[in-house]
């Protein structure tokens, strides 16, 4: 059990660090302008931002949040729209 929590914590921290480094270099999203993310991924990212502002990350939501962060940081070429 502790090993599983440690692994999840490590994965979340790694994803958060990747996300921070990517977001520092990525263009900022401004509503109404052309977005670099596909609409589905943008919706997940915006939902994550709102959820994170309301509730801290815990054992119940860490995997879902880490998955969104991972997808955001590593979005496949077909989800990136032209800048």
N, C-alpha and C. Protein backbone atom coordinates (compact mmCIF):
# COMPACT_ATOMS: atom_id res chain seq x y z
N UNK A 1 0.83 -1.19 0.00
CA UNK A 1 0.00 0.00 0.00
C UNK A 1 0.87 1.25 0.00
N UNK A 2 1.86 1.31 0.87
CA UNK A 2 2.74 2.48 0.92
C UNK A 2 3.54 2.61 -0.37
N UNK A 3 3.94 1.47 -0.92
CA UNK A 3 4.70 1.49 -2.17
C UNK A 3 3.84 2.07 -3.31
N UNK A 4 2.57 1.69 -3.32
CA UNK A 4 1.66 2.19 -4.34
C UNK A 4 1.47 3.70 -4.20
N UNK A 5 1.31 4.18 -2.98
CA UNK A 5 1.16 5.62 -2.74
C UNK A 5 2.42 6.36 -3.13
N UNK A 6 3.56 5.78 -2.81
CA UNK A 6 4.83 6.41 -3.16
C UNK A 6 4.96 6.53 -4.67
N UNK A 7 4.60 5.47 -5.39
CA UNK A 7 4.68 5.47 -6.85
C UNK A 7 3.74 6.54 -7.43
N UNK A 8 2.51 6.61 -6.92
CA UNK A 8 1.55 7.60 -7.40
C UNK A 8 2.06 9.00 -7.11
N UNK A 9 2.58 9.20 -5.92
CA UNK A 9 3.12 10.51 -5.56
C UNK A 9 4.27 10.90 -6.46
N UNK A 10 5.15 9.96 -6.74
CA UNK A 10 6.28 10.24 -7.62
C UNK A 10 5.80 10.60 -9.02
N UNK A 11 4.85 9.82 -9.55
CA UNK A 11 4.34 10.09 -10.89
C UNK A 11 3.67 11.46 -10.96
N UNK A 12 2.91 11.81 -9.92
CA UNK A 12 2.27 13.11 -9.92
C UNK A 12 3.30 14.23 -9.87
N UNK A 13 4.31 14.09 -9.02
CA UNK A 13 5.35 15.12 -8.93
C UNK A 13 6.09 15.26 -10.26
N UNK A 14 6.40 14.14 -10.88
CA UNK A 14 7.10 14.18 -12.17
C UNK A 14 6.23 14.86 -13.22
N UNK A 15 4.94 14.51 -13.25
CA UNK A 15 4.03 15.13 -14.21
C UNK A 15 3.89 16.63 -13.94
N UNK A 16 3.84 17.00 -12.67
CA UNK A 16 3.71 18.42 -12.32
C UNK A 16 4.94 19.20 -12.77
N UNK A 17 6.12 18.63 -12.58
CA UNK A 17 7.34 19.31 -13.00
C UNK A 17 7.39 19.48 -14.52
N UNK A 18 7.00 18.43 -15.23
CA UNK A 18 6.96 18.52 -16.69
C UNK A 18 5.96 19.58 -17.11
N UNK A 19 4.80 19.58 -16.46
CA UNK A 19 3.77 20.55 -16.78
C UNK A 19 4.25 21.98 -16.56
N UNK A 20 4.90 22.20 -15.45
CA UNK A 20 5.39 23.54 -15.16
C UNK A 20 6.41 24.00 -16.19
N UNK A 21 7.29 23.11 -16.58
CA UNK A 21 8.30 23.50 -17.56
C UNK A 21 7.68 23.74 -18.92
N UNK A 22 6.68 22.95 -19.28
CA UNK A 22 6.01 23.13 -20.57
C UNK A 22 5.17 24.39 -20.55
N UNK A 23 4.43 24.61 -19.47
CA UNK A 23 3.55 25.78 -19.43
C UNK A 23 4.35 27.08 -19.40
N UNK A 24 5.55 27.04 -18.89
CA UNK A 24 6.38 28.25 -18.87
C UNK A 24 6.81 28.63 -20.28
N UNK A 25 6.89 27.64 -21.17
CA UNK A 25 7.34 27.89 -22.53
C UNK A 25 6.19 28.00 -23.53
N UNK A 26 5.02 27.48 -23.16
CA UNK A 26 3.89 27.44 -24.08
C UNK A 26 3.18 28.79 -24.14
N UNK A 27 2.59 29.07 -25.28
CA UNK A 27 1.81 30.30 -25.36
C UNK A 27 0.62 30.24 -24.41
N UNK A 28 0.24 31.36 -23.87
CA UNK A 28 -0.89 31.42 -22.93
C UNK A 28 -2.20 31.36 -23.70
N UNK A 29 -3.16 30.66 -23.13
CA UNK A 29 -4.48 30.56 -23.74
C UNK A 29 -5.30 31.77 -23.36
N UNK A 30 -5.87 32.41 -24.35
CA UNK A 30 -6.77 33.54 -24.13
C UNK A 30 -8.09 33.19 -24.81
N UNK A 31 -9.17 33.20 -24.04
CA UNK A 31 -10.47 32.84 -24.60
C UNK A 31 -10.77 33.68 -25.84
N UNK A 32 -11.26 32.99 -26.86
CA UNK A 32 -11.61 33.68 -28.09
C UNK A 32 -10.51 33.67 -29.14
N UNK A 33 -9.29 33.35 -28.75
CA UNK A 33 -8.20 33.27 -29.72
C UNK A 33 -7.96 31.80 -30.09
N UNK A 34 -7.27 31.60 -31.21
CA UNK A 34 -6.98 30.25 -31.64
C UNK A 34 -6.11 29.56 -30.60
N UNK A 35 -6.45 28.35 -30.27
CA UNK A 35 -5.80 27.60 -29.20
C UNK A 35 -4.82 26.58 -29.78
N UNK A 36 -3.77 26.31 -29.05
CA UNK A 36 -2.80 25.31 -29.48
C UNK A 36 -3.20 23.90 -29.06
N UNK A 37 -4.25 23.75 -28.25
CA UNK A 37 -4.74 22.45 -27.84
C UNK A 37 -6.05 22.13 -28.54
N UNK A 38 -6.29 20.85 -28.75
CA UNK A 38 -7.57 20.42 -29.28
C UNK A 38 -8.66 20.76 -28.26
N UNK A 39 -9.87 21.01 -28.71
CA UNK A 39 -10.94 21.42 -27.80
C UNK A 39 -11.18 20.45 -26.63
N UNK A 40 -11.12 19.16 -26.89
CA UNK A 40 -11.35 18.17 -25.81
C UNK A 40 -10.27 18.27 -24.73
N UNK A 41 -9.02 18.38 -25.15
CA UNK A 41 -7.94 18.49 -24.18
C UNK A 41 -8.00 19.84 -23.47
N UNK A 42 -8.34 20.90 -24.18
CA UNK A 42 -8.47 22.22 -23.54
C UNK A 42 -9.53 22.17 -22.44
N UNK A 43 -10.66 21.49 -22.72
CA UNK A 43 -11.73 21.38 -21.71
C UNK A 43 -11.23 20.64 -20.47
N UNK A 44 -10.45 19.58 -20.67
CA UNK A 44 -9.90 18.84 -19.53
C UNK A 44 -8.94 19.71 -18.72
N UNK A 45 -8.10 20.47 -19.42
CA UNK A 45 -7.13 21.33 -18.74
C UNK A 45 -7.85 22.41 -17.94
N UNK A 46 -8.84 23.04 -18.53
CA UNK A 46 -9.57 24.09 -17.83
C UNK A 46 -10.33 23.53 -16.63
N UNK A 47 -10.90 22.33 -16.78
CA UNK A 47 -11.58 21.69 -15.66
C UNK A 47 -10.59 21.37 -14.54
N UNK A 48 -9.39 20.90 -14.92
CA UNK A 48 -8.35 20.61 -13.93
C UNK A 48 -7.96 21.87 -13.17
N UNK A 49 -7.80 22.97 -13.88
CA UNK A 49 -7.44 24.23 -13.22
C UNK A 49 -8.48 24.63 -12.19
N UNK A 50 -9.74 24.54 -12.57
CA UNK A 50 -10.82 24.89 -11.65
C UNK A 50 -10.89 23.95 -10.46
N UNK A 51 -10.79 22.65 -10.74
CA UNK A 51 -10.83 21.66 -9.66
C UNK A 51 -9.68 21.84 -8.68
N UNK A 52 -8.50 22.12 -9.22
CA UNK A 52 -7.32 22.28 -8.37
C UNK A 52 -7.44 23.52 -7.49
N UNK A 53 -8.12 24.55 -7.99
CA UNK A 53 -8.30 25.77 -7.20
C UNK A 53 -9.28 25.54 -6.05
N UNK A 54 -10.21 24.60 -6.24
CA UNK A 54 -11.22 24.34 -5.21
C UNK A 54 -10.82 23.26 -4.22
N UNK A 55 -10.07 22.27 -4.66
CA UNK A 55 -9.75 21.13 -3.80
C UNK A 55 -8.32 20.68 -4.03
N UNK A 56 -7.61 20.44 -2.95
CA UNK A 56 -6.23 19.97 -3.05
C UNK A 56 -6.18 18.57 -3.65
N UNK A 57 -5.05 18.24 -4.20
CA UNK A 57 -4.84 16.91 -4.74
C UNK A 57 -4.71 15.93 -3.58
N UNK A 58 -5.43 14.81 -3.70
CA UNK A 58 -5.36 13.78 -2.67
C UNK A 58 -5.36 12.41 -3.34
N UNK A 59 -5.43 11.37 -2.53
CA UNK A 59 -5.38 10.01 -3.08
C UNK A 59 -6.56 9.70 -3.98
N UNK A 60 -7.67 10.40 -3.80
CA UNK A 60 -8.85 10.14 -4.60
C UNK A 60 -8.83 10.77 -5.99
N UNK A 61 -8.02 11.82 -6.18
CA UNK A 61 -8.03 12.50 -7.48
C UNK A 61 -6.66 12.59 -8.15
N UNK A 62 -5.64 12.06 -7.51
CA UNK A 62 -4.28 12.22 -8.04
C UNK A 62 -4.10 11.55 -9.39
N UNK A 63 -4.65 10.37 -9.59
CA UNK A 63 -4.45 9.68 -10.87
C UNK A 63 -5.14 10.41 -12.02
N UNK A 64 -6.35 10.88 -11.78
CA UNK A 64 -7.06 11.62 -12.82
C UNK A 64 -6.32 12.91 -13.17
N UNK A 65 -5.88 13.64 -12.15
CA UNK A 65 -5.17 14.89 -12.39
C UNK A 65 -3.82 14.65 -13.07
N UNK A 66 -3.12 13.63 -12.63
CA UNK A 66 -1.81 13.33 -13.24
C UNK A 66 -1.98 12.94 -14.70
N UNK A 67 -3.05 12.24 -15.01
CA UNK A 67 -3.31 11.84 -16.39
C UNK A 67 -3.55 13.06 -17.27
N UNK A 68 -4.33 14.02 -16.78
CA UNK A 68 -4.59 15.23 -17.55
C UNK A 68 -3.29 16.03 -17.74
N UNK A 69 -2.51 16.15 -16.67
CA UNK A 69 -1.24 16.87 -16.77
C UNK A 69 -0.31 16.18 -17.76
N UNK A 70 -0.27 14.86 -17.71
CA UNK A 70 0.58 14.10 -18.63
C UNK A 70 0.13 14.35 -20.08
N UNK A 71 -1.18 14.26 -20.32
CA UNK A 71 -1.70 14.49 -21.67
C UNK A 71 -1.41 15.91 -22.14
N UNK A 72 -1.52 16.86 -21.24
CA UNK A 72 -1.27 18.27 -21.56
C UNK A 72 0.20 18.47 -21.94
N UNK A 73 1.09 17.91 -21.14
CA UNK A 73 2.52 18.08 -21.39
C UNK A 73 3.00 17.30 -22.61
N UNK A 74 2.31 16.23 -22.94
CA UNK A 74 2.74 15.36 -24.04
C UNK A 74 1.68 15.23 -25.11
N UNK A 75 0.95 16.31 -25.38
CA UNK A 75 -0.15 16.20 -26.33
C UNK A 75 0.38 15.73 -27.68
N UNK A 76 -0.30 14.73 -28.25
CA UNK A 76 0.16 14.20 -29.54
C UNK A 76 0.00 15.24 -30.64
N UNK A 77 0.72 15.03 -31.72
CA UNK A 77 0.73 16.00 -32.82
C UNK A 77 -0.67 16.28 -33.36
N UNK A 78 -1.53 15.26 -33.36
CA UNK A 78 -2.85 15.48 -33.94
C UNK A 78 -3.76 16.31 -33.04
N UNK A 79 -3.35 16.59 -31.80
CA UNK A 79 -4.16 17.44 -30.95
C UNK A 79 -3.64 18.87 -30.90
N UNK A 80 -2.46 19.10 -31.48
CA UNK A 80 -1.90 20.45 -31.51
C UNK A 80 -2.39 21.13 -32.77
N UNK A 81 -3.04 22.26 -32.60
CA UNK A 81 -3.52 23.01 -33.75
C UNK A 81 -2.47 24.03 -34.14
N UNK A 82 -2.53 24.48 -35.35
CA UNK A 82 -1.53 25.45 -35.81
C UNK A 82 -1.60 26.72 -34.99
N UNK A 83 -0.45 27.28 -34.71
CA UNK A 83 -0.40 28.50 -33.89
C UNK A 83 -0.73 29.66 -34.76
